[in-house]
């Protein structure tokens, strides 16, 4: 299986000309009826061998940790981190395997956070700050060596954790302001993701993959505080609340179409289904509300998917030129 990064590497090596690769991409896009940007590709798995390697690495890592944990927990986490790094040297740096790269990154950063927890419990304010700080540092070092796209999102998640834990240490009443802080962090992460996206509007290199994972992180940070603030999950099914939920979902759909990222819609889908189910229950369709809502939302999403490119063309072409320059081109 070959991807855009492989084609770009072939161009650099002089195996193919840039014009030939671009013509090939246009040909594939014409056959599929959509461009590579619209398909929202990202590296996850190259084949079953990736799964095989992940299983083998998991067995080695967790078995080693179980053996050493009986001696000393900190030693177990330290060896876990060292093994994760050593395995990445071969399977990521040399073999360029996508799924093992993600697994070994999470294993490395997670073991560093676990090591800090074993030294100083994360239940304490100082322990939480230390764990978040070491997670960010570990992700940064890993990025410098292996450049796995998800690493940036992991580092940003650690930074968000650092902000929350630091504010919690300074302001004792931080729990009352957690949702607004998470919402602001989500907006900042979204803006950060858009910086990566705007650097690769054709979505043919690693920047697009980095943007995908950052969008995946920003979505729940933005959406969860908003919808929980409406008490939807606590059974608040008032008509105005339901109307606001639908309006918010339409807004998220508009943003998703413009930036050509479906993750915002997917992340908020459960809230919309829950809200609509409650609304239908309230007006007499008890017992079939969830199924009815699922049919309605499923049909709407499939219809939108079928006409995604046409709808996106109509929306994006009416945006200011300065905004269009930062978005994937419409075809």
Foldseek 3Di string as FASTA:
>chain_A
DDALANVVVCCVVVVDPPVVVVVVQVVVCVVVVHHPLLVLDADAFDDVVLVVVLVVLVCVLVVQLVVCVVVPNLVSLVVSLVSLVVVCVPCQVPVVGQNSVVSSLCSNLVSQLSNLCSVPNCVDLVSQLVSLVSSLVSLVVCCVPRVRLLSVLSNLVSVLSNVLSVVCVVDVVSVVVVLVSLQVSLVVLLVVLLVLCLVCLSPSDSSSNNSLNSNLNSQCSNQVSVLVVLVLVVLPQDPVSLVVLVVVLVVQVLVCLQQSHCNNNVSSVVSNLSNQLSVVVVVPPPPCSSVVSCVVVVVVVVVCVVCSLVVSVVSNVPDDPVSNSSHRDRD
